Protein backbone atom coordinates (compact mmCIF):
# COMPACT_ATOMS: atom_id res chain seq x y z
CA MET A 1 0.05 -0.01 -0.07
CA THR A 2 1.34 3.51 -0.94
CA ARG A 3 0.53 6.58 0.72
CA LYS A 4 1.06 10.08 0.45
CA ALA A 5 0.09 12.54 2.80
CA ARG A 6 -0.12 16.44 1.61
CA SER A 7 -1.23 19.39 3.54
CA GLN A 8 -2.71 23.04 2.92
CA PRO A 9 -1.11 25.64 4.70
CA SER A 10 -2.71 27.05 7.67
CA ALA A 11 -3.76 30.99 8.29
CA ASP A 12 -1.92 30.28 11.70
CA ARG A 13 1.58 29.56 10.00
CA GLY A 14 1.33 32.76 8.47
CA ARG A 15 1.25 34.21 11.83
CA GLY A 16 4.10 32.45 13.21
CA LYS A 17 2.03 30.16 15.44
CA GLU A 18 3.15 26.60 15.73
CA VAL A 19 0.20 24.46 14.38
CA PRO A 20 1.24 20.64 14.14
CA ARG A 21 0.46 19.19 10.57
CA PRO A 22 -2.13 16.41 10.62
CA LYS A 23 -0.82 13.03 10.92
CA MET A 24 -1.45 10.21 8.14
CA PRO A 25 -2.68 6.83 9.64
CA GLU A 26 -0.19 4.34 9.80
CA PRO A 27 -0.68 1.22 7.31
CA ASP A 28 -1.99 -1.02 9.59
CA ASN A 29 -4.63 1.40 10.78
CA PHE A 30 -6.31 1.04 7.53
CA THR A 31 -8.84 -1.89 6.95
CA MET A 32 -11.02 -3.07 3.78
CA ILE A 33 -14.50 -3.46 4.76
CA TYR A 34 -17.19 -5.38 2.56
CA ASP A 35 -20.52 -5.64 4.11
CA GLY A 36 -21.93 -7.99 1.44
CA LYS A 37 -22.62 -5.40 -1.32
CA GLU A 38 -20.16 -3.00 -1.22
CA MET A 39 -16.32 -2.46 -0.40
CA TYR A 40 -14.95 0.37 1.61
CA LEU A 41 -11.85 1.57 2.63
CA ALA A 42 -11.52 2.86 6.38
CA ALA A 43 -9.12 4.65 8.40
CA HIS A 44 -9.38 4.20 12.34
CA GLY A 45 -12.49 2.55 11.95
CA VAL A 46 -13.73 5.19 10.10
CA LYS A 47 -15.00 4.96 6.01
CA ILE A 48 -13.13 7.11 4.17
CA ALA A 49 -13.75 5.59 0.81
CA LYS A 50 -16.21 3.57 -1.03
CA ARG A 51 -15.63 1.54 -4.29
CA SER A 52 -17.96 2.42 -6.88
CA LYS A 53 -19.15 -0.54 -9.29
CA GLY A 54 -16.91 0.92 -12.13
CA SER A 55 -14.13 -0.21 -9.59
CA THR A 56 -13.33 3.76 -8.65
CA TRP A 57 -13.01 4.90 -5.38
CA ILE A 58 -16.01 7.47 -3.94
CA SER A 59 -14.64 9.84 -1.10
CA LEU A 60 -16.35 9.58 1.99
CA GLU A 61 -14.42 12.04 4.32
CA PRO A 62 -13.36 15.22 3.44
CA GLY A 63 -9.31 15.24 2.40
CA TRP A 64 -9.30 11.69 1.58
CA ARG A 65 -8.73 10.63 -2.06
CA VAL A 66 -8.39 6.77 -2.84
CA PHE A 67 -6.62 5.44 -6.29
CA ASP A 68 -6.01 1.82 -7.43
CA GLY A 69 -2.30 1.16 -9.00
CA SER A 70 -1.36 -1.72 -10.98
CA ASP A 71 -0.65 -3.94 -7.78
CA SER A 72 -1.51 -1.39 -5.19
CA ILE A 73 -3.91 1.72 -3.42
CA THR A 74 -2.71 5.05 -3.29
CA ILE A 75 -4.17 6.80 -0.58
CA GLU A 76 -3.99 10.68 -0.10
CA TYR A 77 -4.81 12.75 2.58
CA THR A 78 -4.63 16.84 2.35
CA ALA A 79 -6.27 18.34 5.61
CA PRO A 80 -9.24 20.64 4.99
CA GLU A 81 -8.69 24.52 5.64
CA SER A 82 -10.15 25.40 8.84
CA ASN A 83 -13.03 27.15 7.53
CA ASP A 84 -14.07 24.60 5.17
CA TYR A 85 -16.51 23.45 8.03
CA ALA A 86 -17.68 27.04 8.92
CA ASN A 87 -21.74 27.35 8.77
């Protein structure tokens, strides 16, 4: 399993505040779930992507992208900016 982590710069970084980078879960914290109808990829028990009937992955949580490779799955996480959750 290949994994890539990217993060967006935070507005706080521009003001000199120390902002911790989001951590990508370790490879053993990802699980494949098949419920008899659908295939899911979960991180820490939270379903982050669903496999469509066309064999592509549909993101279920903000910031997550999953791609099939020839012999692996690529998982990308981009931390949502803080205003993404504003009303």
